[in-house]
């Protein structure tokens, strides 16, 4: 019976591409997928059933399920995880979800069939990984570590950014600069950032600072609302945005309207995109320690694998990485020339 690697050689593609074609996951050209399926049928490929850990053919194989293998933050996670796997003489099998729950479930199934000892997951979708899928991995003694935005129906070991620390640091920095009229721009409908706006609102409430305005960056009229807010005679003195890309739009729009940054309005971002130092002006934002999160997840994975047993509910770990504020020219002292009373809440 032909193996996946033999199919890959016959089709002239990678074994990961064969896995995607056989399990109808990931992005593959339809012609390539059809050729692989025809070869699998011709050579009578049959998927092997999961086997107990003690009988696995690949005791040094681990899996990594990422939303995407390119871009931030997944590429940084992969960089640190693959370095640790190489250092420990483990092979790494990487599959993508593209932010879809069904792709995540298929990826976990494929990795289990390959006989991996452990899996690190960054699913990138808001729907939790179902209980049955997690228990199936548990029954095969496969260690699972979730990172960043990866909700699960039952508790599992999880490594993520400390959103509370990020929110409190951003708010305290603006308060130090004298800002008391702060607006929030957030992707309120995106599960990936759902915890961040809540943490920012909570940090303001704890400091008895009312949130002056909230803009939902997912709404179609968001840019119009942003222009209305910036041109209002009692506009906020500072904006906190949950992504650096949103912050870039605020900087661009303010410049078009003749509003000075930071003399008139300060802007702070929160996602450490690739080039915030080249924005105009350079953006104050956070280093979200993606590499550190990946390293911590890999260390926890190998620790669990070396223990030889899975954690129960009482011993599940939740580890957090503290972000670092990078101060740049987009933030400055508050402008107190006008009384601020602007209010906008969707």
C-alpha atoms as a PDB file:
ATOM      1  CA  UNK A   1       0.000   0.000   0.000  1.00  0.00           C
ATOM      2  CA  UNK A   2       1.340   3.436  -0.953  1.00  0.00           C
ATOM      3  CA  UNK A   3       2.239   5.959   1.772  1.00  0.00           C
ATOM      4  CA  UNK A   4       1.623   9.705   1.844  1.00  0.00           C
ATOM      5  CA  UNK A   5       5.293  10.431   1.164  1.00  0.00           C
ATOM      6  CA  UNK A   6       5.249   8.056  -1.810  1.00  0.00           C
ATOM      7  CA  UNK A   7       2.140   9.809  -3.111  1.00  0.00           C
ATOM      8  CA  UNK A   8       3.950  13.122  -2.722  1.00  0.00           C
ATOM      9  CA  UNK A   9       6.864  11.897  -4.830  1.00  0.00           C
ATOM     10  CA  UNK A  10       4.516  10.538  -7.487  1.00  0.00           C
ATOM     11  CA  UNK A  11       2.595  13.821  -7.659  1.00  0.00           C
ATOM     12  CA  UNK A  12       5.693  15.986  -7.444  1.00  0.00           C
ATOM     13  CA  UNK A  13       4.409  17.901  -4.385  1.00  0.00           C
ATOM     14  CA  UNK A  14       5.148  18.062  -0.676  1.00  0.00           C
ATOM     15  CA  UNK A  15       3.651  15.546   1.757  1.00  0.00           C
ATOM     16  CA  UNK A  16       1.763  18.441   3.425  1.00  0.00           C
ATOM     17  CA  UNK A  17       0.064  19.184   0.100  1.00  0.00           C
ATOM     18  CA  UNK A  18      -0.953  15.513  -0.138  1.00  0.00           C
ATOM     19  CA  UNK A  19      -2.431  15.670   3.365  1.00  0.00           C
ATOM     20  CA  UNK A  20      -4.422  18.790   2.448  1.00  0.00           C
ATOM     21  CA  UNK A  21      -5.746  17.132  -0.713  1.00  0.00           C
ATOM     22  CA  UNK A  22      -6.743  13.877   1.005  1.00  0.00           C
ATOM     23  CA  UNK A  23      -8.513  15.679   3.834  1.00  0.00           C
ATOM     24  CA  UNK A  24      -9.922  18.554   1.775  1.00  0.00           C
ATOM     25  CA  UNK A  25      -8.275  21.259   3.867  1.00  0.00           C
ATOM     26  CA  UNK A  26      -6.018  24.214   3.124  1.00  0.00           C
ATOM     27  CA  UNK A  27      -5.469  26.017  -0.149  1.00  0.00           C
ATOM     28  CA  UNK A  28      -4.612  23.793  -3.137  1.00  0.00           C
ATOM     29  CA  UNK A  29      -5.181  24.332  -6.824  1.00  0.00           C
ATOM     30  CA  UNK A  30      -8.155  22.159  -7.905  1.00  0.00           C
ATOM     31  CA  UNK A  31      -6.080  20.491 -10.628  1.00  0.00           C
ATOM     32  CA  UNK A  32      -3.390  19.507  -8.122  1.00  0.00           C
ATOM     33  CA  UNK A  33      -5.993  18.186  -5.686  1.00  0.00           C
ATOM     34  CA  UNK A  34      -7.653  16.107  -8.412  1.00  0.00           C
ATOM     35  CA  UNK A  35      -4.305  14.641  -9.548  1.00  0.00           C
ATOM     36  CA  UNK A  36      -3.439  13.615  -5.981  1.00  0.00           C
ATOM     37  CA  UNK A  37      -6.853  12.001  -5.420  1.00  0.00           C
ATOM     38  CA  UNK A  38      -6.555  10.079  -8.694  1.00  0.00           C
ATOM     39  CA  UNK A  39      -3.100   8.804  -7.706  1.00  0.00           C
ATOM     40  CA  UNK A  40      -4.392   7.830  -4.259  1.00  0.00           C
ATOM     41  CA  UNK A  41      -7.183   5.843  -5.886  1.00  0.00           C
ATOM     42  CA  UNK A  42      -4.858   4.283  -8.472  1.00  0.00           C
ATOM     43  CA  UNK A  43      -2.342   3.124  -5.873  1.00  0.00           C
ATOM     44  CA  UNK A  44      -5.057   2.175  -3.346  1.00  0.00           C
ATOM     45  CA  UNK A  45      -4.017   4.558  -0.583  1.00  0.00           C
ATOM     46  CA  UNK A  46      -5.802   3.911   2.709  1.00  0.00           C
ATOM     47  CA  UNK A  47      -5.599   6.181   5.748  1.00  0.00           C
ATOM     48  CA  UNK A  48      -4.247   4.353   8.760  1.00  0.00           C
ATOM     49  CA  UNK A  49      -6.260   4.365  11.990  1.00  0.00           C
ATOM     50  CA  UNK A  50      -4.876   6.096  15.091  1.00  0.00           C
ATOM     51  CA  UNK A  51      -2.642   3.877  17.205  1.00  0.00           C
ATOM     52  CA  UNK A  52      -1.630   4.060  20.867  1.00  0.00           C
ATOM     53  CA  UNK A  53       1.368   6.214  21.714  1.00  0.00           C
ATOM     54  CA  UNK A  54       3.473   3.222  22.711  1.00  0.00           C
ATOM     55  CA  UNK A  55       3.088   1.741  19.231  1.00  0.00           C
ATOM     56  CA  UNK A  56       3.678   4.906  17.235  1.00  0.00           C
ATOM     57  CA  UNK A  57       6.106   4.792  14.351  1.00  0.00           C
ATOM     58  CA  UNK A  58       7.211   8.405  14.857  1.00  0.00           C
ATOM     59  CA  UNK A  59       8.006   8.953  18.560  1.00  0.00           C
ATOM     60  CA  UNK A  60       9.810  12.204  17.684  1.00  0.00           C
ATOM     61  CA  UNK A  61       7.046  13.769  15.613  1.00  0.00           C
ATOM     62  CA  UNK A  62       5.055  16.754  16.879  1.00  0.00           C
ATOM     63  CA  UNK A  63       2.330  18.784  15.171  1.00  0.00           C
ATOM     64  CA  UNK A  64       1.714  22.492  14.813  1.00  0.00           C
ATOM     65  CA  UNK A  65      -1.712  23.807  13.751  1.00  0.00           C
ATOM     66  CA  UNK A  66      -1.581  27.467  12.715  1.00  0.00           C
ATOM     67  CA  UNK A  67      -4.138  29.853  11.304  1.00  0.00           C
ATOM     68  CA  UNK A  68      -1.589  30.630   8.581  1.00  0.00           C
ATOM     69  CA  UNK A  69       2.086  29.885   8.077  1.00  0.00           C
ATOM     70  CA  UNK A  70       2.819  33.443   6.931  1.00  0.00           C
ATOM     71  CA  UNK A  71       2.302  36.829   8.525  1.00  0.00           C
ATOM     72  CA  UNK A  72       2.078  38.002  12.111  1.00  0.00           C
ATOM     73  CA  UNK A  73       1.871  36.373  14.618  1.00  0.00           C
ATOM     74  CA  UNK A  74       1.969  32.826  13.199  1.00  0.00           C
ATOM     75  CA  UNK A  75       5.346  33.138  11.487  1.00  0.00           C
ATOM     76  CA  UNK A  76       6.903  34.220  14.797  1.00  0.00           C
ATOM     77  CA  UNK A  77       5.236  31.359  16.657  1.00  0.00           C
ATOM     78  CA  UNK A  78       6.541  28.905  14.064  1.00  0.00           C
ATOM     79  CA  UNK A  79      10.046  30.351  14.180  1.00  0.00           C
ATOM     80  CA  UNK A  80      10.406  29.712  17.906  1.00  0.00           C
ATOM     81  CA  UNK A  81       8.535  26.388  17.943  1.00  0.00           C
ATOM     82  CA  UNK A  82      10.526  24.944  15.045  1.00  0.00           C
ATOM     83  CA  UNK A  83      13.805  26.064  16.632  1.00  0.00           C
ATOM     84  CA  UNK A  84      12.919  24.226  19.835  1.00  0.00           C
ATOM     85  CA  UNK A  85      11.781  21.130  17.918  1.00  0.00           C
ATOM     86  CA  UNK A  86      15.069  21.088  15.978  1.00  0.00           C
ATOM     87  CA  UNK A  87      17.089  21.491  19.189  1.00  0.00           C
ATOM     88  CA  UNK A  88      15.296  18.483  20.695  1.00  0.00           C
ATOM     89  CA  UNK A  89      15.674  16.374  17.503  1.00  0.00           C
ATOM     90  CA  UNK A  90      11.922  16.332  16.835  1.00  0.00           C
ATOM     91  CA  UNK A  91      10.259  16.533  13.445  1.00  0.00           C
ATOM     92  CA  UNK A  92       7.552  19.173  13.030  1.00  0.00           C
ATOM     93  CA  UNK A  93       4.438  18.702  10.873  1.00  0.00           C
ATOM     94  CA  UNK A  94       2.633  22.000  10.182  1.00  0.00           C
ATOM     95  CA  UNK A  95      -0.990  22.371   9.039  1.00  0.00           C
ATOM     96  CA  UNK A  96      -3.087  25.516   8.459  1.00  0.00           C
ATOM     97  CA  UNK A  97      -6.642  26.348   9.536  1.00  0.00           C
ATOM     98  CA  UNK A  98      -7.139  29.707   7.746  1.00  0.00           C
ATOM     99  CA  UNK A  99      -9.332  30.603  10.707  1.00  0.00           C
ATOM    100  CA  UNK A 100     -11.943  27.859  10.138  1.00  0.00           C
ATOM    101  CA  UNK A 101     -13.081  25.430  12.830  1.00  0.00           C
ATOM    102  CA  UNK A 102     -13.594  22.547  10.372  1.00  0.00           C
ATOM    103  CA  UNK A 103     -10.026  22.931   9.130  1.00  0.00           C
ATOM    104  CA  UNK A 104      -8.790  22.796  12.721  1.00  0.00           C
ATOM    105  CA  UNK A 105     -10.712  19.594  13.384  1.00  0.00           C
ATOM    106  CA  UNK A 106      -9.375  17.973  10.214  1.00  0.00           C
ATOM    107  CA  UNK A 107      -5.838  19.061  11.053  1.00  0.00           C
ATOM    108  CA  UNK A 108      -6.060  17.510  14.531  1.00  0.00           C
ATOM    109  CA  UNK A 109      -7.406  14.298  13.002  1.00  0.00           C
ATOM    110  CA  UNK A 110      -4.581  14.137  10.455  1.00  0.00           C
ATOM    111  CA  UNK A 111      -1.916  14.714  13.086  1.00  0.00           C
ATOM    112  CA  UNK A 112      -3.403  11.992  15.279  1.00  0.00           C
ATOM    113  CA  UNK A 113      -3.309   9.578  12.334  1.00  0.00           C
ATOM    114  CA  UNK A 114       0.341  10.420  11.796  1.00  0.00           C
ATOM    115  CA  UNK A 115       1.037   9.429  15.396  1.00  0.00           C
ATOM    116  CA  UNK A 116       2.294  12.721  16.798  1.00  0.00           C
ATOM    117  CA  UNK A 117       3.178  12.893  20.476  1.00  0.00           C
ATOM    118  CA  UNK A 118       2.059  16.485  20.947  1.00  0.00           C
ATOM    119  CA  UNK A 119       0.343  19.378  19.174  1.00  0.00           C
ATOM    120  CA  UNK A 120       0.564  23.164  19.511  1.00  0.00           C
ATOM    121  CA  UNK A 121      -2.553  24.962  18.212  1.00  0.00           C
ATOM    122  CA  UNK A 122      -3.196  28.554  17.197  1.00  0.00           C
ATOM    123  CA  UNK A 123      -6.603  28.129  15.576  1.00  0.00           C
ATOM    124  CA  UNK A 124      -7.368  31.761  14.788  1.00  0.00           C
ATOM    125  CA  UNK A 125     -11.150  31.315  15.046  1.00  0.00           C
ATOM    126  CA  UNK A 126     -13.611  32.313  17.743  1.00  0.00           C
ATOM    127  CA  UNK A 127     -15.537  29.007  17.904  1.00  0.00           C
ATOM    128  CA  UNK A 128     -14.134  26.712  20.608  1.00  0.00           C
ATOM    129  CA  UNK A 129     -12.555  23.401  19.653  1.00  0.00           C
ATOM    130  CA  UNK A 130     -15.269  20.864  20.647  1.00  0.00           C
ATOM    131  CA  UNK A 131     -15.021  18.661  23.693  1.00  0.00           C
ATOM    132  CA  UNK A 132     -15.181  15.425  21.685  1.00  0.00           C
ATOM    133  CA  UNK A 133     -12.175  16.378  19.549  1.00  0.00           C
ATOM    134  CA  UNK A 134     -10.138  17.238  22.632  1.00  0.00           C
ATOM    135  CA  UNK A 135     -11.116  14.062  24.468  1.00  0.00           C
ATOM    136  CA  UNK A 136     -10.169  12.004  21.400  1.00  0.00           C
ATOM    137  CA  UNK A 137      -6.654  13.432  21.550  1.00  0.00           C
ATOM    138  CA  UNK A 138      -6.598  12.826  25.296  1.00  0.00           C
ATOM    139  CA  UNK A 139      -7.577   9.179  24.783  1.00  0.00           C
ATOM    140  CA  UNK A 140      -4.540   8.746  22.543  1.00  0.00           C
ATOM    141  CA  UNK A 141      -2.279  10.445  25.105  1.00  0.00           C
ATOM    142  CA  UNK A 142      -1.511  13.317  22.722  1.00  0.00           C
ATOM    143  CA  UNK A 143      -0.403  16.494  24.502  1.00  0.00           C
ATOM    144  CA  UNK A 144      -2.224  19.641  23.337  1.00  0.00           C
ATOM    145  CA  UNK A 145      -1.014  23.189  23.995  1.00  0.00           C
ATOM    146  CA  UNK A 146      -3.232  26.103  22.893  1.00  0.00           C
ATOM    147  CA  UNK A 147      -1.716  29.507  22.205  1.00  0.00           C
ATOM    148  CA  UNK A 148      -3.128  33.007  21.777  1.00  0.00           C
ATOM    149  CA  UNK A 149      -6.679  33.030  20.366  1.00  0.00           C
ATOM    150  CA  UNK A 150      -7.578  29.345  20.604  1.00  0.00           C
ATOM    151  CA  UNK A 151     -10.781  28.789  22.604  1.00  0.00           C
ATOM    152  CA  UNK A 152     -11.485  25.245  23.775  1.00  0.00           C
ATOM    153  CA  UNK A 153     -14.662  23.626  25.099  1.00  0.00           C
ATOM    154  CA  UNK A 154     -12.753  22.141  28.047  1.00  0.00           C
ATOM    155  CA  UNK A 155      -9.651  23.533  29.791  1.00  0.00           C
ATOM    156  CA  UNK A 156      -6.287  22.727  28.215  1.00  0.00           C
ATOM    157  CA  UNK A 157      -2.794  24.103  28.753  1.00  0.00           C
ATOM    158  CA  UNK A 158      -2.813  27.627  27.275  1.00  0.00           C
ATOM    159  CA  UNK A 159      -0.123  30.231  26.588  1.00  0.00           C
ATOM    160  CA  UNK A 160      -1.232  33.726  25.595  1.00  0.00           C
ATOM    161  CA  UNK A 161      -0.642  37.443  25.841  1.00  0.00           C
ATOM    162  CA  UNK A 162      -1.606  39.148  29.099  1.00  0.00           C
ATOM    163  CA  UNK A 163      -4.383  41.387  27.751  1.00  0.00           C
ATOM    164  CA  UNK A 164      -4.979  42.937  31.188  1.00  0.00           C
ATOM    165  CA  UNK A 165      -1.345  44.056  31.420  1.00  0.00           C
ATOM    166  CA  UNK A 166      -1.523  45.493  27.885  1.00  0.00           C
ATOM    167  CA  UNK A 167      -4.676  47.473  28.642  1.00  0.00           C
ATOM    168  CA  UNK A 168      -3.442  48.818  31.969  1.00  0.00           C
ATOM    169  CA  UNK A 169      -0.082  49.842  30.505  1.00  0.00           C
ATOM    170  CA  UNK A 170      -1.738  51.683  27.587  1.00  0.00           C
ATOM    171  CA  UNK A 171      -4.218  53.497  29.831  1.00  0.00           C
ATOM    172  CA  UNK A 172      -1.637  54.404  32.487  1.00  0.00           C
ATOM    173  CA  UNK A 173       0.720  55.814  29.853  1.00  0.00           C
ATOM    174  CA  UNK A 174      -1.987  58.089  28.465  1.00  0.00           C
ATOM    175  CA  UNK A 175      -2.975  59.160  31.983  1.00  0.00           C
ATOM    176  CA  UNK A 176       0.669  60.065  32.690  1.00  0.00           C
ATOM    177  CA  UNK A 177       0.530  62.326  29.625  1.00  0.00           C
ATOM    178  CA  UNK A 178      -2.528  64.048  31.065  1.00  0.00           C
ATOM    179  CA  UNK A 179      -5.219  62.478  28.870  1.00  0.00           C
ATOM    180  CA  UNK A 180      -8.645  62.134  30.442  1.00  0.00           C
ATOM    181  CA  UNK A 181     -10.764  62.078  27.259  1.00  0.00           C
ATOM    182  CA  UNK A 182      -9.927  58.762  25.618  1.00  0.00           C
ATOM    183  CA  UNK A 183     -11.675  56.968  22.758  1.00  0.00           C
ATOM    184  CA  UNK A 184     -11.438  53.310  21.779  1.00  0.00           C
ATOM    185  CA  UNK A 185     -11.421  51.947  18.213  1.00  0.00           C
ATOM    186  CA  UNK A 186     -11.864  48.178  18.175  1.00  0.00           C
ATOM    187  CA  UNK A 187     -12.887  45.229  16.006  1.00  0.00           C
ATOM    188  CA  UNK A 188     -15.808  44.395  18.265  1.00  0.00           C
ATOM    189  CA  UNK A 189     -17.127  41.597  16.053  1.00  0.00           C
ATOM    190  CA  UNK A 190     -13.768  39.829  15.704  1.00  0.00           C
ATOM    191  CA  UNK A 191     -13.203  37.029  18.184  1.00  0.00           C
ATOM    192  CA  UNK A 192      -9.477  37.501  17.788  1.00  0.00           C
ATOM    193  CA  UNK A 193      -9.614  40.843  19.602  1.00  0.00           C
ATOM    194  CA  UNK A 194     -12.720  40.406  21.746  1.00  0.00           C
ATOM    195  CA  UNK A 195     -10.733  40.275  24.985  1.00  0.00           C
ATOM    196  CA  UNK A 196      -8.708  43.403  24.271  1.00  0.00           C
ATOM    197  CA  UNK A 197     -11.476  46.051  24.154  1.00  0.00           C
ATOM    198  CA  UNK A 198     -13.022  44.552  27.280  1.00  0.00           C
ATOM    199  CA  UNK A 199      -9.671  44.757  29.067  1.00  0.00           C
ATOM    200  CA  UNK A 200      -9.202  48.392  27.972  1.00  0.00           C
ATOM    201  CA  UNK A 201     -12.691  49.358  29.142  1.00  0.00           C
ATOM    202  CA  UNK A 202     -12.077  47.612  32.465  1.00  0.00           C
ATOM    203  CA  UNK A 203      -8.739  49.411  32.944  1.00  0.00           C
ATOM    204  CA  UNK A 204     -10.427  52.784  32.375  1.00  0.00           C
ATOM    205  CA  UNK A 205     -13.271  51.937  34.767  1.00  0.00           C
ATOM    206  CA  UNK A 206     -10.848  50.883  37.497  1.00  0.00           C
ATOM    207  CA  UNK A 207      -9.147  54.270  37.198  1.00  0.00           C
ATOM    208  CA  UNK A 208     -12.490  56.089  37.180  1.00  0.00           C
ATOM    209  CA  UNK A 209     -11.933  57.457  33.701  1.00  0.00           C
ATOM    210  CA  UNK A 210     -15.085  57.357  31.550  1.00  0.00           C
ATOM    211  CA  UNK A 211     -14.606  55.979  28.046  1.00  0.00           C
ATOM    212  CA  UNK A 212     -15.461  59.015  25.948  1.00  0.00           C
ATOM    213  CA  UNK A 213     -16.289  57.121  22.740  1.00  0.00           C
ATOM    214  CA  UNK A 214     -16.171  53.703  21.106  1.00  0.00           C
ATOM    215  CA  UNK A 215     -15.937  53.076  17.368  1.00  0.00           C
ATOM    216  CA  UNK A 216     -16.555  49.633  15.919  1.00  0.00           C
ATOM    217  CA  UNK A 217     -13.975  49.147  13.147  1.00  0.00           C
ATOM    218  CA  UNK A 218     -16.113  46.341  11.678  1.00  0.00           C
ATOM    219  CA  UNK A 219     -18.969  48.665  10.695  1.00  0.00           C
ATOM    220  CA  UNK A 220     -19.280  49.875   7.094  1.00  0.00           C
ATOM    221  CA  UNK A 221     -19.624  53.523   8.119  1.00  0.00           C
ATOM    222  CA  UNK A 222     -16.660  53.322  10.483  1.00  0.00           C
ATOM    223  CA  UNK A 223     -14.476  55.733   8.488  1.00  0.00           C
ATOM    224  CA  UNK A 224     -17.269  58.302   8.306  1.00  0.00           C
ATOM    225  CA  UNK A 225     -17.731  58.040  12.085  1.00  0.00           C
ATOM    226  CA  UNK A 226     -13.971  58.486  12.554  1.00  0.00           C
ATOM    227  CA  UNK A 227     -13.991  61.677  10.445  1.00  0.00           C
ATOM    228  CA  UNK A 228     -16.977  62.992  12.403  1.00  0.00           C
ATOM    229  CA  UNK A 229     -15.209  62.285  15.674  1.00  0.00           C
ATOM    230  CA  UNK A 230     -11.935  63.924  14.617  1.00  0.00           C
ATOM    231  CA  UNK A 231     -13.658  67.058  13.297  1.00  0.00           C
ATOM    232  CA  UNK A 232     -15.961  67.453  16.289  1.00  0.00           C
ATOM    233  CA  UNK A 233     -15.130  70.597  18.338  1.00  0.00           C
ATOM    234  CA  UNK A 234     -14.921  68.465  21.488  1.00  0.00           C
ATOM    235  CA  UNK A 235     -13.073  65.457  20.104  1.00  0.00           C
ATOM    236  CA  UNK A 236     -11.130  63.025  22.313  1.00  0.00           C
ATOM    237  CA  UNK A 237      -7.523  63.903  23.092  1.00  0.00           C
ATOM    238  CA  UNK A 238      -6.323  60.317  22.655  1.00  0.00           C
ATOM    239  CA  UNK A 239      -7.263  57.124  20.779  1.00  0.00           C
ATOM    240  CA  UNK A 240      -6.475  53.558  21.759  1.00  0.00           C
ATOM    241  CA  UNK A 241      -6.817  51.194  18.793  1.00  0.00           C
ATOM    242  CA  UNK A 242      -6.847  47.411  19.108  1.00  0.00           C
ATOM    243  CA  UNK A 243      -4.751  46.967  15.939  1.00  0.00           C
ATOM    244  CA  UNK A 244      -1.844  48.920  14.495  1.00  0.00           C
ATOM    245  CA  UNK A 245      -3.535  48.877  11.087  1.00  0.00           C
ATOM    246  CA  UNK A 246      -6.503  50.755  12.550  1.00  0.00           C
ATOM    247  CA  UNK A 247      -4.074  53.180  14.165  1.00  0.00           C
ATOM    248  CA  UNK A 248      -2.476  53.781  10.753  1.00  0.00           C
ATOM    249  CA  UNK A 249      -5.878  54.774   9.363  1.00  0.00           C
ATOM    250  CA  UNK A 250      -6.397  57.219  12.245  1.00  0.00           C
ATOM    251  CA  UNK A 251      -2.987  58.803  11.569  1.00  0.00           C
ATOM    252  CA  UNK A 252      -3.698  59.064   7.842  1.00  0.00           C
ATOM    253  CA  UNK A 253      -7.187  60.505   8.327  1.00  0.00           C
ATOM    254  CA  UNK A 254      -5.999  63.039  10.894  1.00  0.00           C
ATOM    255  CA  UNK A 255      -3.239  64.199   8.543  1.00  0.00           C
ATOM    256  CA  UNK A 256      -5.758  64.671   5.707  1.00  0.00           C
ATOM    257  CA  UNK A 257      -7.946  66.763   8.029  1.00  0.00           C
ATOM    258  CA  UNK A 258      -5.039  68.955   9.156  1.00  0.00           C
ATOM    259  CA  UNK A 259      -5.098  67.547  12.699  1.00  0.00           C
ATOM    260  CA  UNK A 260      -1.645  67.328  14.268  1.00  0.00           C
ATOM    261  CA  UNK A 261      -0.369  64.121  15.860  1.00  0.00           C
ATOM    262  CA  UNK A 262       0.436  64.200  18.756  1.00  0.00           C
ATOM    263  CA  UNK A 263      -0.084  67.949  19.409  1.00  0.00           C
ATOM    264  CA  UNK A 264      -3.870  67.730  18.890  1.00  0.00           C
ATOM    265  CA  UNK A 265      -4.547  63.996  19.250  1.00  0.00           C
ATOM    266  CA  UNK A 266      -2.455  61.086  20.539  1.00  0.00           C
ATOM    267  CA  UNK A 267      -2.743  57.584  19.058  1.00  0.00           C
ATOM    268  CA  UNK A 268      -1.606  54.274  20.497  1.00  0.00           C
ATOM    269  CA  UNK A 269      -1.756  50.881  18.749  1.00  0.00           C
ATOM    270  CA  UNK A 270      -1.791  47.394  20.244  1.00  0.00           C
ATOM    271  CA  UNK A 271      -0.703  44.696  17.795  1.00  0.00           C
ATOM    272  CA  UNK A 272       2.977  45.061  16.903  1.00  0.00           C
ATOM    273  CA  UNK A 273       2.555  44.969  13.119  1.00  0.00           C
ATOM    274  CA  UNK A 274       5.604  44.803  10.876  1.00  0.00           C
ATOM    275  CA  UNK A 275       6.509  48.500  10.398  1.00  0.00           C
ATOM    276  CA  UNK A 276       4.862  50.858  12.941  1.00  0.00           C
ATOM    277  CA  UNK A 277       8.143  52.764  13.263  1.00  0.00           C
ATOM    278  CA  UNK A 278       7.726  53.908   9.667  1.00  0.00           C
ATOM    279  CA  UNK A 279       4.226  55.336  10.124  1.00  0.00           C
ATOM    280  CA  UNK A 280       3.846  59.117  10.009  1.00  0.00           C
ATOM    281  CA  UNK A 281       4.463  59.901  12.773  1.00  0.00           C
ATOM    282  CA  UNK A 282       6.020  56.656  14.125  1.00  0.00           C
ATOM    283  CA  UNK A 283       3.382  54.776  16.106  1.00  0.00           C
ATOM    284  CA  UNK A 284       3.441  54.106  19.830  1.00  0.00           C
ATOM    285  CA  UNK A 285       2.520  50.429  20.172  1.00  0.00           C
ATOM    286  CA  UNK A 286       3.426  47.169  21.933  1.00  0.00           C
ATOM    287  CA  UNK A 287       5.902  44.385  21.397  1.00  0.00           C
ATOM    288  CA  UNK A 288       3.542  41.444  21.938  1.00  0.00           C
ATOM    289  CA  UNK A 289       6.362  38.924  22.458  1.00  0.00           C
ATOM    290  CA  UNK A 290       5.192  36.435  19.831  1.00  0.00           C
ATOM    291  CA  UNK A 291       8.541  34.604  19.889  1.00  0.00           C
ATOM    292  CA  UNK A 292       8.395  34.332  23.677  1.00  0.00           C
ATOM    293  CA  UNK A 293       4.860  32.902  23.496  1.00  0.00           C
ATOM    294  CA  UNK A 294       6.020  30.291  20.978  1.00  0.00           C
ATOM    295  CA  UNK A 295       9.042  29.388  23.098  1.00  0.00           C
ATOM    296  CA  UNK A 296       6.916  29.056  26.225  1.00  0.00           C
ATOM    297  CA  UNK A 297       4.387  26.865  24.410  1.00  0.00           C
ATOM    298  CA  UNK A 298       7.156  24.617  23.057  1.00  0.00           C
ATOM    299  CA  UNK A 299       8.775  24.314  26.494  1.00  0.00           C
ATOM    300  CA  UNK A 300       5.445  23.405  28.070  1.00  0.00           C
ATOM    301  CA  UNK A 301       4.767  20.860  25.313  1.00  0.00           C
ATOM    302  CA  UNK A 302       8.086  19.069  25.831  1.00  0.00           C
ATOM    303  CA  UNK A 303       7.639  19.203  29.602  1.00  0.00           C
ATOM    304  CA  UNK A 304       4.250  17.476  29.309  1.00  0.00           C
ATOM    305  CA  UNK A 305       5.638  14.932  26.846  1.00  0.00           C
ATOM    306  CA  UNK A 306       8.535  14.123  29.168  1.00  0.00           C
ATOM    307  CA  UNK A 307       6.137  13.735  32.090  1.00  0.00           C
ATOM    308  CA  UNK A 308       4.388  10.944  30.188  1.00  0.00           C
ATOM    309  CA  UNK A 309       0.932  11.851  31.464  1.00  0.00           C
ATOM    310  CA  UNK A 310      -1.650  14.477  30.607  1.00  0.00           C
ATOM    311  CA  UNK A 311      -2.785  17.153  33.074  1.00  0.00           C
ATOM    312  CA  UNK A 312      -6.159  16.903  34.761  1.00  0.00           C
ATOM    313  CA  UNK A 313      -8.416  19.923  35.308  1.00  0.00           C
ATOM    314  CA  UNK A 314      -6.662  20.894  38.533  1.00  0.00           C
ATOM    315  CA  UNK A 315      -3.189  20.930  36.952  1.00  0.00           C
ATOM    316  CA  UNK A 316      -3.977  22.643  33.627  1.00  0.00           C
ATOM    317  CA  UNK A 317      -1.652  25.619  33.176  1.00  0.00           C
ATOM    318  CA  UNK A 318      -2.497  29.101  31.903  1.00  0.00           C
ATOM    319  CA  UNK A 319       0.695  31.031  31.210  1.00  0.00           C
ATOM    320  CA  UNK A 320       0.815  34.687  30.187  1.00  0.00           C
ATOM    321  CA  UNK A 321       3.380  36.835  28.402  1.00  0.00           C
ATOM    322  CA  UNK A 322       3.601  40.504  29.408  1.00  0.00           C
ATOM    323  CA  UNK A 323       3.719  42.947  26.437  1.00  0.00           C
ATOM    324  CA  UNK A 324       6.264  45.766  26.289  1.00  0.00           C
ATOM    325  CA  UNK A 325       5.223  49.329  25.455  1.00  0.00           C
ATOM    326  CA  UNK A 326       7.279  50.960  22.667  1.00  0.00           C
ATOM    327  CA  UNK A 327       7.000  54.733  23.002  1.00  0.00           C
ATOM    328  CA  UNK A 328       7.149  56.696  19.756  1.00  0.00           C
ATOM    329  CA  UNK A 329       6.083  60.077  18.396  1.00  0.00           C
ATOM    330  CA  UNK A 330       2.332  59.393  18.017  1.00  0.00           C
ATOM    331  CA  UNK A 331       1.706  60.103  21.699  1.00  0.00           C
ATOM    332  CA  UNK A 332       2.268  63.382  23.533  1.00  0.00           C
ATOM    333  CA  UNK A 333       0.848  65.537  26.340  1.00  0.00           C
ATOM    334  CA  UNK A 334      -2.888  66.187  26.299  1.00  0.00           C
ATOM    335  CA  UNK A 335      -4.178  69.379  24.726  1.00  0.00           C
ATOM    336  CA  UNK A 336      -6.413  71.127  27.284  1.00  0.00           C
ATOM    337  CA  UNK A 337      -7.378  74.080  25.102  1.00  0.00           C
ATOM    338  CA  UNK A 338     -11.005  72.961  24.839  1.00  0.00           C
ATOM    339  CA  UNK A 339     -13.545  71.321  27.083  1.00  0.00           C
ATOM    340  CA  UNK A 340     -14.208  67.781  25.858  1.00  0.00           C
ATOM    341  CA  UNK A 341     -17.739  66.449  25.817  1.00  0.00           C
ATOM    342  CA  UNK A 342     -17.825  64.318  22.657  1.00  0.00           C
ATOM    343  CA  UNK A 343     -19.828  61.093  23.095  1.00  0.00           C
ATOM    344  CA  UNK A 344     -20.259  58.265  20.590  1.00  0.00           C
ATOM    345  CA  UNK A 345     -21.044  54.672  21.569  1.00  0.00           C
ATOM    346  CA  UNK A 346     -22.377  52.175  19.012  1.00  0.00           C
END
